[in-house]
Structures are given as C-alpha cells and as structure tokens.
Amino acid sequence: MRPPLPRREALLPAGLAVKALPGALAPVEADGTFRGYAALFNRVDLGRDLILPGAFARSLAERGTGGVRMLFQHDPAEPIGVWLDLAEDATGLLVRGRITQEVARAREVLALLRAGALDGLSIGFRAVEGTTEPRSRVRRLSRIDLWEISIVTFPMQPEARIGEVKQGGLAAALRRGARRLVAPPAGRPVPAPTF
C-alpha cells in the first residue's frame, strides 16, 4: 500500500498557483500521444480567473516546451510524460504531449484516459501580471509564468472534457458535485484559490 500523498500545497514552490482550466483532451493515440487545450482564453473559470490572449507568450518563449513539465494531479513527484508542442492560438493554449509508457504511474494514467476516467487538463503557474475587477472579483491574467500542465480528475471548468465522454452516469454526477463544491453561495464573493 502506498503512503498517503502530502497535501498539494506542501509540494509546490512558494507563489506557484495551480489552475485547472479547460482542457478537453482528444483521444489518446497508441503511442500515448494526445492533444487538447490546457487553457481557453476569455473564459471565467470556477476560481474567477480569466486568461487573456497572449498571457503565455513570454513564458513559452523563455521556457520553451521542454521547460514545462507534464505531471499527474499537479504532483511534482509524479512526472508522467513530455510536452511535444505548446502554442497559443485564437482559442487558448493548445498542447500536444506524449505519456511515457515506461513509467508505471504513466501507464496507469494512460489506462484511465482510455477508459474515460480521467480527461482534464490543468495548469500550474505564477501570475505575473493581472488585474482584479472590483465589482465582479474576476482576476484578468495578462501574463502567466507557466511551470507545468497536469492531467487531472477535476479541472476548474467542469465542462472541459474529452468529447466522447457520455453525459450521464457516475461521470456526470461527479461533475455536478464538483460544481457544487466550488460554486459560491449567491451574493458572496469567491475567495482566491489557496492550493
């Protein structure tokens, strides 16, 4: 039996935010290659963040694809593959990666992706530039230092899923439950995520 994992915030460098954003993974190829969007522009997520077009440009230019890690559930002790392409387009941050099948955890993740049990993408980043709108409390991020992109169970935008996932059953119930867990009570401001 594996020992319990430490809380995610204990594993991240100080100041690094974890943001599960739209990810809609495409079907996984035989060699473990997949693609999807790790972030979509101009959409408010459940944490009340909105990423502006161009927010990743400087980070991608400075770090390059090889400087951004592929992790499982934002755990730095769980690298599971490599990113082959990271690029902004008109929609968001389009990614293409390959799961390293020689790694035990990566094989498990690949099996879960193929079964439809996992299908979210989430970014780990440091907000460099942004403003918070006083009335809506939406944080508009104009520059992000991207550290990692994870394959996750619950991205911040619950509808960001693989297209083939059926709407219904356990998966839909989990998505509805996740929305209720992070949705603020009516009329109350949403606190910034603390993980």
C-alpha atoms as a PDB file:
ATOM      1  CA  MET A   1       0.000   0.000   0.000  1.00  0.00           C
ATOM      2  CA  ARG A   2       1.295   3.441  -0.912  1.00  0.00           C
ATOM      3  CA  PRO A   3       1.769   6.018   1.837  1.00  0.00           C
ATOM      4  CA  PRO A   4      -0.703   8.932   1.669  1.00  0.00           C
ATOM      5  CA  LEU A   5       0.373  11.826  -0.514  1.00  0.00           C
ATOM      6  CA  PRO A   6       1.177  15.135   1.153  1.00  0.00           C
ATOM      7  CA  ARG A   7      -1.280  17.969   0.519  1.00  0.00           C
ATOM      8  CA  ARG A   8      -0.703  19.567  -2.866  1.00  0.00           C
ATOM      9  CA  GLU A   9       0.191  22.985  -1.437  1.00  0.00           C
ATOM     10  CA  ALA A  10       3.070  21.405   0.502  1.00  0.00           C
ATOM     11  CA  LEU A  11       4.605  20.196  -2.767  1.00  0.00           C
ATOM     12  CA  LEU A  12       4.511  23.432  -4.756  1.00  0.00           C
ATOM     13  CA  PRO A  13       7.138  26.176  -4.705  1.00  0.00           C
ATOM     14  CA  ALA A  14       6.041  29.343  -2.893  1.00  0.00           C
ATOM     15  CA  GLY A  15       3.925  31.608  -5.099  1.00  0.00           C
ATOM     16  CA  LEU A  16       3.039  28.907  -7.640  1.00  0.00           C
ATOM     17  CA  ALA A  17      -0.679  28.741  -8.363  1.00  0.00           C
ATOM     18  CA  VAL A  18      -2.479  25.687  -9.617  1.00  0.00           C
ATOM     19  CA  LYS A  19      -5.281  26.401 -12.032  1.00  0.00           C
ATOM     20  CA  ALA A  20      -7.381  23.677 -13.541  1.00  0.00           C
ATOM     21  CA  LEU A  21      -8.699  25.229 -16.694  1.00  0.00           C
ATOM     22  CA  PRO A  22     -10.357  23.957 -19.820  1.00  0.00           C
ATOM     23  CA  GLY A  23      -8.585  21.013 -21.206  1.00  0.00           C
ATOM     24  CA  ALA A  24     -10.755  18.819 -23.409  1.00  0.00           C
ATOM     25  CA  LEU A  25      -8.308  16.057 -24.221  1.00  0.00           C
ATOM     26  CA  ALA A  26      -8.564  14.457 -27.632  1.00  0.00           C
ATOM     27  CA  PRO A  27      -8.456  10.657 -27.942  1.00  0.00           C
ATOM     28  CA  VAL A  28      -5.100   9.139 -26.970  1.00  0.00           C
ATOM     29  CA  GLU A  29      -3.007   7.540 -29.730  1.00  0.00           C
ATOM     30  CA  ALA A  30      -1.400   4.089 -29.409  1.00  0.00           C
ATOM     31  CA  ASP A  31       1.986   5.632 -28.527  1.00  0.00           C
ATOM     32  CA  GLY A  32       0.425   7.698 -25.713  1.00  0.00           C
ATOM     33  CA  THR A  33       0.253  10.939 -27.699  1.00  0.00           C
ATOM     34  CA  PHE A  34      -2.719  13.242 -27.129  1.00  0.00           C
ATOM     35  CA  ARG A  35      -3.686  16.862 -27.640  1.00  0.00           C
ATOM     36  CA  GLY A  36      -6.098  19.353 -26.187  1.00  0.00           C
ATOM     37  CA  TYR A  37      -6.403  22.805 -24.675  1.00  0.00           C
ATOM     38  CA  ALA A  38      -4.755  23.367 -21.315  1.00  0.00           C
ATOM     39  CA  ALA A  39      -6.380  26.814 -21.068  1.00  0.00           C
ATOM     40  CA  LEU A  40      -9.011  28.729 -23.005  1.00  0.00           C
ATOM     41  CA  PHE A  41      -8.894  32.491 -23.369  1.00  0.00           C
ATOM     42  CA  ASN A  42     -11.562  34.913 -22.196  1.00  0.00           C
ATOM     43  CA  ARG A  43     -13.497  32.428 -20.060  1.00  0.00           C
ATOM     44  CA  VAL A  44     -14.065  32.848 -16.359  1.00  0.00           C
ATOM     45  CA  ASP A  45     -13.303  29.618 -14.515  1.00  0.00           C
ATOM     46  CA  LEU A  46     -14.647  28.413 -11.173  1.00  0.00           C
ATOM     47  CA  GLY A  47     -11.796  30.206  -9.377  1.00  0.00           C
ATOM     48  CA  ARG A  48     -12.881  33.510 -11.026  1.00  0.00           C
ATOM     49  CA  ASP A  49      -9.787  33.780 -13.205  1.00  0.00           C
ATOM     50  CA  LEU A  50      -9.897  34.808 -16.854  1.00  0.00           C
ATOM     51  CA  ILE A  51      -6.808  34.313 -19.031  1.00  0.00           C
ATOM     52  CA  LEU A  52      -6.252  36.877 -21.762  1.00  0.00           C
ATOM     53  CA  PRO A  53      -4.828  36.060 -25.205  1.00  0.00           C
ATOM     54  CA  GLY A  54      -1.041  36.350 -25.184  1.00  0.00           C
ATOM     55  CA  ALA A  55      -0.730  35.592 -21.458  1.00  0.00           C
ATOM     56  CA  PHE A  56       1.547  32.600 -22.085  1.00  0.00           C
ATOM     57  CA  ALA A  57       3.687  34.100 -24.884  1.00  0.00           C
ATOM     58  CA  ARG A  58       6.646  35.311 -22.843  1.00  0.00           C
ATOM     59  CA  SER A  59       6.768  32.208 -20.646  1.00  0.00           C
ATOM     60  CA  LEU A  60       6.693  29.895 -23.660  1.00  0.00           C
ATOM     61  CA  ALA A  61       9.437  31.921 -25.358  1.00  0.00           C
ATOM     62  CA  GLU A  62      11.634  31.847 -22.241  1.00  0.00           C
ATOM     63  CA  ARG A  63      10.995  28.276 -21.022  1.00  0.00           C
ATOM     64  CA  GLY A  64      10.258  26.519 -24.270  1.00  0.00           C
ATOM     65  CA  THR A  65       8.266  23.312 -24.449  1.00  0.00           C
ATOM     66  CA  GLY A  66      10.948  21.343 -22.603  1.00  0.00           C
ATOM     67  CA  GLY A  67      10.775  23.701 -19.614  1.00  0.00           C
ATOM     68  CA  VAL A  68       7.129  22.911 -18.867  1.00  0.00           C
ATOM     69  CA  ARG A  69       6.551  19.619 -17.061  1.00  0.00           C
ATOM     70  CA  MET A  70       3.745  17.104 -17.570  1.00  0.00           C
ATOM     71  CA  LEU A  71       2.535  15.937 -14.160  1.00  0.00           C
ATOM     72  CA  PHE A  72      -0.261  13.851 -12.727  1.00  0.00           C
ATOM     73  CA  GLN A  73      -2.620  15.827 -10.428  1.00  0.00           C
ATOM     74  CA  HIS A  74      -0.007  18.635 -10.002  1.00  0.00           C
ATOM     75  CA  ASP A  75       2.301  16.356  -8.028  1.00  0.00           C
ATOM     76  CA  PRO A  76       5.960  17.187  -8.784  1.00  0.00           C
ATOM     77  CA  ALA A  77       6.873  13.649  -7.705  1.00  0.00           C
ATOM     78  CA  GLU A  78       4.646  12.266 -10.496  1.00  0.00           C
ATOM     79  CA  PRO A  79       6.046  13.267 -13.910  1.00  0.00           C
ATOM     80  CA  ILE A  80       4.210  11.152 -16.478  1.00  0.00           C
ATOM     81  CA  GLY A  81       5.355  12.341 -19.884  1.00  0.00           C
ATOM     82  CA  VAL A  82       6.632  15.170 -22.022  1.00  0.00           C
ATOM     83  CA  TRP A  83       5.072  18.047 -23.898  1.00  0.00           C
ATOM     84  CA  LEU A  84       5.815  17.948 -27.625  1.00  0.00           C
ATOM     85  CA  ASP A  85       4.102  21.218 -28.598  1.00  0.00           C
ATOM     86  CA  LEU A  86       2.742  24.156 -26.620  1.00  0.00           C
ATOM     87  CA  ALA A  87       1.307  27.074 -28.561  1.00  0.00           C
ATOM     88  CA  GLU A  88      -1.220  29.830 -28.186  1.00  0.00           C
ATOM     89  CA  ASP A  89      -3.871  30.090 -30.882  1.00  0.00           C
ATOM     90  CA  ALA A  90      -7.066  32.144 -31.072  1.00  0.00           C
ATOM     91  CA  THR A  91      -8.819  29.744 -28.680  1.00  0.00           C
ATOM     92  CA  GLY A  92      -6.223  29.218 -25.959  1.00  0.00           C
ATOM     93  CA  LEU A  93      -3.145  27.198 -25.044  1.00  0.00           C
ATOM     94  CA  LEU A  94      -3.116  24.243 -27.424  1.00  0.00           C
ATOM     95  CA  VAL A  95      -0.950  21.367 -26.225  1.00  0.00           C
ATOM     96  CA  ARG A  96       0.316  18.076 -27.617  1.00  0.00           C
ATOM     97  CA  GLY A  97       2.057  15.635 -25.327  1.00  0.00           C
ATOM     98  CA  ARG A  98       3.124  12.026 -25.006  1.00  0.00           C
ATOM     99  CA  ILE A  99       2.709   9.877 -21.930  1.00  0.00           C
ATOM    100  CA  THR A 100       5.916   7.966 -21.145  1.00  0.00           C
ATOM    101  CA  GLN A 101       4.733   4.373 -21.021  1.00  0.00           C
ATOM    102  CA  GLU A 102       7.947   3.128 -19.406  1.00  0.00           C
ATOM    103  CA  VAL A 103       6.824   4.848 -16.170  1.00  0.00           C
ATOM    104  CA  ALA A 104       4.399   2.833 -14.008  1.00  0.00           C
ATOM    105  CA  ARG A 105       2.196   5.800 -12.988  1.00  0.00           C
ATOM    106  CA  ALA A 106       2.087   6.979 -16.613  1.00  0.00           C
ATOM    107  CA  ARG A 107       0.790   3.561 -17.725  1.00  0.00           C
ATOM    108  CA  GLU A 108      -1.936   3.827 -15.090  1.00  0.00           C
ATOM    109  CA  VAL A 109      -2.846   7.335 -16.255  1.00  0.00           C
ATOM    110  CA  LEU A 110      -2.917   6.184 -19.865  1.00  0.00           C
ATOM    111  CA  ALA A 111      -5.285   3.338 -18.960  1.00  0.00           C
ATOM    112  CA  LEU A 112      -7.535   5.783 -17.079  1.00  0.00           C
ATOM    113  CA  LEU A 113      -7.530   8.198 -20.033  1.00  0.00           C
ATOM    114  CA  ARG A 114      -8.505   5.431 -22.417  1.00  0.00           C
ATOM    115  CA  ALA A 115     -11.253   4.283 -20.027  1.00  0.00           C
ATOM    116  CA  GLY A 116     -12.594   7.834 -19.754  1.00  0.00           C
ATOM    117  CA  ALA A 117     -11.920   8.023 -16.001  1.00  0.00           C
ATOM    118  CA  LEU A 118      -9.520  10.961 -16.476  1.00  0.00           C
ATOM    119  CA  ASP A 119      -9.950  13.682 -19.047  1.00  0.00           C
ATOM    120  CA  GLY A 120      -8.997  17.062 -17.597  1.00  0.00           C
ATOM    121  CA  LEU A 121      -6.009  19.359 -18.092  1.00  0.00           C
ATOM    122  CA  SER A 122      -4.855  21.880 -15.521  1.00  0.00           C
ATOM    123  CA  ILE A 123      -2.069  24.446 -15.464  1.00  0.00           C
ATOM    124  CA  GLY A 124       0.362  25.223 -12.644  1.00  0.00           C
ATOM    125  CA  PHE A 125       1.623  28.775 -12.935  1.00  0.00           C
ATOM    126  CA  ARG A 126       2.658  32.014 -11.281  1.00  0.00           C
ATOM    127  CA  ALA A 127       0.544  35.070 -12.088  1.00  0.00           C
ATOM    128  CA  VAL A 128       2.960  37.777 -13.271  1.00  0.00           C
ATOM    129  CA  GLU A 129       0.544  40.469 -14.456  1.00  0.00           C
ATOM    130  CA  GLY A 130      -3.162  40.836 -13.988  1.00  0.00           C
ATOM    131  CA  THR A 131      -5.927  42.925 -12.511  1.00  0.00           C
ATOM    132  CA  THR A 132      -8.965  42.104 -10.421  1.00  0.00           C
ATOM    133  CA  GLU A 133     -12.231  43.741 -11.393  1.00  0.00           C
ATOM    134  CA  PRO A 134     -13.644  45.221  -8.161  1.00  0.00           C
ATOM    135  CA  ARG A 135     -17.290  44.565  -8.919  1.00  0.00           C
ATOM    136  CA  SER A 136     -17.115  41.018 -10.329  1.00  0.00           C
ATOM    137  CA  ARG A 137     -13.927  39.959  -8.466  1.00  0.00           C
ATOM    138  CA  VAL A 138     -12.724  38.331 -11.697  1.00  0.00           C
ATOM    139  CA  ARG A 139      -8.953  38.249 -11.962  1.00  0.00           C
ATOM    140  CA  ARG A 140      -7.904  39.044 -15.546  1.00  0.00           C
ATOM    141  CA  LEU A 141      -4.488  37.454 -16.145  1.00  0.00           C
ATOM    142  CA  SER A 142      -2.424  39.119 -18.861  1.00  0.00           C
ATOM    143  CA  ARG A 143       0.905  37.422 -18.166  1.00  0.00           C
ATOM    144  CA  ILE A 144       1.480  33.956 -16.741  1.00  0.00           C
ATOM    145  CA  ASP A 145       4.704  32.121 -15.908  1.00  0.00           C
ATOM    146  CA  LEU A 146       3.741  28.551 -16.857  1.00  0.00           C
ATOM    147  CA  TRP A 147       5.514  25.841 -14.829  1.00  0.00           C
ATOM    148  CA  GLU A 148       3.549  22.690 -15.530  1.00  0.00           C
ATOM    149  CA  ILE A 149       0.441  21.208 -17.092  1.00  0.00           C
ATOM    150  CA  SER A 150      -1.188  18.271 -15.353  1.00  0.00           C
ATOM    151  CA  ILE A 151      -3.646  15.598 -16.317  1.00  0.00           C
ATOM    152  CA  VAL A 152      -6.300  15.857 -13.598  1.00  0.00           C
ATOM    153  CA  THR A 153      -9.584  14.470 -12.423  1.00  0.00           C
ATOM    154  CA  PHE A 154     -11.348  17.804 -11.830  1.00  0.00           C
ATOM    155  CA  PRO A 155     -10.364  20.823 -13.937  1.00  0.00           C
ATOM    156  CA  MET A 156     -11.660  24.237 -12.907  1.00  0.00           C
ATOM    157  CA  GLN A 157     -14.059  24.274 -15.855  1.00  0.00           C
ATOM    158  CA  PRO A 158     -16.116  21.109 -15.336  1.00  0.00           C
ATOM    159  CA  GLU A 159     -17.323  21.049 -18.949  1.00  0.00           C
ATOM    160  CA  ALA A 160     -13.732  20.761 -20.246  1.00  0.00           C
ATOM    161  CA  ARG A 161     -13.751  17.057 -21.075  1.00  0.00           C
ATOM    162  CA  ILE A 162     -12.990  14.551 -23.787  1.00  0.00           C
ATOM    163  CA  GLY A 163     -15.678  14.775 -26.449  1.00  0.00           C
ATOM    164  CA  GLU A 164     -16.559  11.083 -26.281  1.00  0.00           C
ATOM    165  CA  VAL A 165     -17.470  11.103 -22.580  1.00  0.00           C
ATOM    166  CA  LYS A 166     -21.158  10.263 -22.219  1.00  0.00           C
ATOM    167  CA  GLN A 167     -23.333  12.765 -20.361  1.00  0.00           C
ATOM    168  CA  GLY A 168     -24.838  10.726 -17.570  1.00  0.00           C
ATOM    169  CA  GLY A 169     -23.959   8.135 -15.009  1.00  0.00           C
ATOM    170  CA  LEU A 170     -21.154   8.475 -12.498  1.00  0.00           C
ATOM    171  CA  ALA A 171     -19.019  10.900 -14.544  1.00  0.00           C
ATOM    172  CA  ALA A 172     -21.858  13.427 -14.864  1.00  0.00           C
ATOM    173  CA  ALA A 173     -22.713  13.079 -11.170  1.00  0.00           C
ATOM    174  CA  LEU A 174     -19.087  13.775 -10.226  1.00  0.00           C
ATOM    175  CA  ARG A 175     -19.015  16.855 -12.459  1.00  0.00           C
ATOM    176  CA  ARG A 176     -22.235  18.167 -10.892  1.00  0.00           C
ATOM    177  CA  GLY A 177     -20.817  17.544  -7.426  1.00  0.00           C
ATOM    178  CA  ALA A 178     -17.585  19.339  -8.283  1.00  0.00           C
ATOM    179  CA  ARG A 179     -19.542  22.372  -9.486  1.00  0.00           C
ATOM    180  CA  ARG A 180     -21.481  22.475  -6.209  1.00  0.00           C
ATOM    181  CA  LEU A 181     -18.289  22.206  -4.150  1.00  0.00           C
ATOM    182  CA  VAL A 182     -16.667  25.242  -5.754  1.00  0.00           C
ATOM    183  CA  ALA A 183     -19.696  27.376  -6.580  1.00  0.00           C
ATOM    184  CA  PRO A 184     -20.044  30.259  -4.097  1.00  0.00           C
ATOM    185  CA  PRO A 185     -23.309  30.930  -2.305  1.00  0.00           C
ATOM    186  CA  ALA A 186     -25.403  33.537  -4.109  1.00  0.00           C
ATOM    187  CA  GLY A 187     -24.254  37.076  -3.419  1.00  0.00           C
ATOM    188  CA  ARG A 188     -20.958  36.110  -1.776  1.00  0.00           C
ATOM    189  CA  PRO A 189     -17.542  36.893  -3.299  1.00  0.00           C
ATOM    190  CA  VAL A 190     -15.365  33.972  -4.324  1.00  0.00           C
ATOM    191  CA  PRO A 191     -12.097  33.733  -2.364  1.00  0.00           C
ATOM    192  CA  ALA A 192      -8.904  33.180  -4.328  1.00  0.00           C
ATOM    193  CA  PRO A 193      -7.844  29.512  -4.539  1.00  0.00           C
ATOM    194  CA  THR A 194      -5.365  28.549  -1.826  1.00  0.00           C
ATOM    195  CA  PHE A 195      -3.919  25.366  -3.220  1.00  0.00           C
END
